[in-house]
């Protein structure tokens, strides 16, 4: 029984409890992204790269 009380008062348990509390608070404050969220603008995109092969002029 003393071992359980010593563990509950140990730095390991207190840091695990604190990390769990911070994680739970973070999940409560920040809404996780959802795959079914339809408000995301999926049509917008940025393409970075060379022009298509057909459009490049190879005249010396």
Protein backbone atom coordinates (compact mmCIF):
# COMPACT_ATOMS: atom_id res chain seq x y z
CA UNK A 1 0.00 0.00 0.00
CA UNK A 2 2.87 2.36 0.76
CA UNK A 3 4.28 1.62 -2.70
CA UNK A 4 1.10 2.91 -4.37
CA UNK A 5 1.17 6.14 -2.34
CA UNK A 6 4.86 6.59 -3.07
CA UNK A 7 4.18 6.17 -6.80
CA UNK A 8 1.29 8.66 -6.72
CA UNK A 9 3.62 11.21 -5.12
CA UNK A 10 6.54 10.47 -7.45
CA UNK A 11 7.84 12.83 -10.14
CA UNK A 12 7.07 10.27 -12.83
CA UNK A 13 3.38 10.07 -11.96
CA UNK A 14 3.05 13.84 -11.57
CA UNK A 15 4.66 14.47 -14.95
CA UNK A 16 2.46 11.83 -16.62
CA UNK A 17 -0.60 13.39 -15.04
CA UNK A 18 0.48 16.88 -16.11
CA UNK A 19 1.11 15.74 -19.69
CA UNK A 20 -2.29 14.09 -19.83
CA UNK A 21 -3.95 17.25 -18.51
CA UNK A 22 -2.15 19.44 -21.06
CA UNK A 23 -3.10 17.05 -23.88
CA UNK A 24 -6.75 16.93 -22.81
CA UNK A 25 -6.87 20.73 -22.58
CA UNK A 26 -5.29 21.03 -26.03
CA UNK A 27 -7.85 18.68 -27.56
CA UNK A 28 -10.66 20.61 -25.89
CA UNK A 29 -9.39 23.97 -27.18
CA UNK A 30 -8.33 23.00 -30.71
CA UNK A 31 -10.82 21.33 -33.02
CA UNK A 32 -9.06 18.49 -34.88
CA UNK A 33 -9.30 18.43 -38.68
CA UNK A 34 -12.03 16.28 -40.12
CA UNK A 35 -11.95 14.44 -43.44
CA UNK A 36 -15.65 15.17 -43.93
CA UNK A 37 -15.24 18.94 -43.51
CA UNK A 38 -16.85 20.45 -46.63
CA UNK A 39 -15.83 24.07 -45.90
CA UNK A 40 -12.30 23.48 -47.21
CA UNK A 41 -11.62 25.01 -50.62
CA UNK A 42 -10.28 22.01 -52.54
CA UNK A 43 -10.24 23.76 -55.93
CA UNK A 44 -7.37 26.08 -55.07
CA UNK A 45 -3.90 24.79 -55.84
CA UNK A 46 -0.43 26.11 -56.56
CA UNK A 47 1.78 24.33 -59.08
CA UNK A 48 5.50 24.98 -59.09
CA UNK A 49 7.59 23.50 -61.85
CA UNK A 50 8.62 23.68 -65.47
CA UNK A 51 6.30 24.28 -68.38
CA UNK A 52 4.93 21.18 -70.11
CA UNK A 53 7.32 19.54 -72.56
CA UNK A 54 5.21 20.52 -75.60
CA UNK A 55 5.23 24.20 -74.65
CA UNK A 56 9.04 24.49 -74.37
CA UNK A 57 10.77 25.89 -77.45
CA UNK A 58 14.02 24.08 -78.37
CA UNK A 59 15.22 26.60 -80.95
CA UNK A 60 18.96 27.36 -80.48
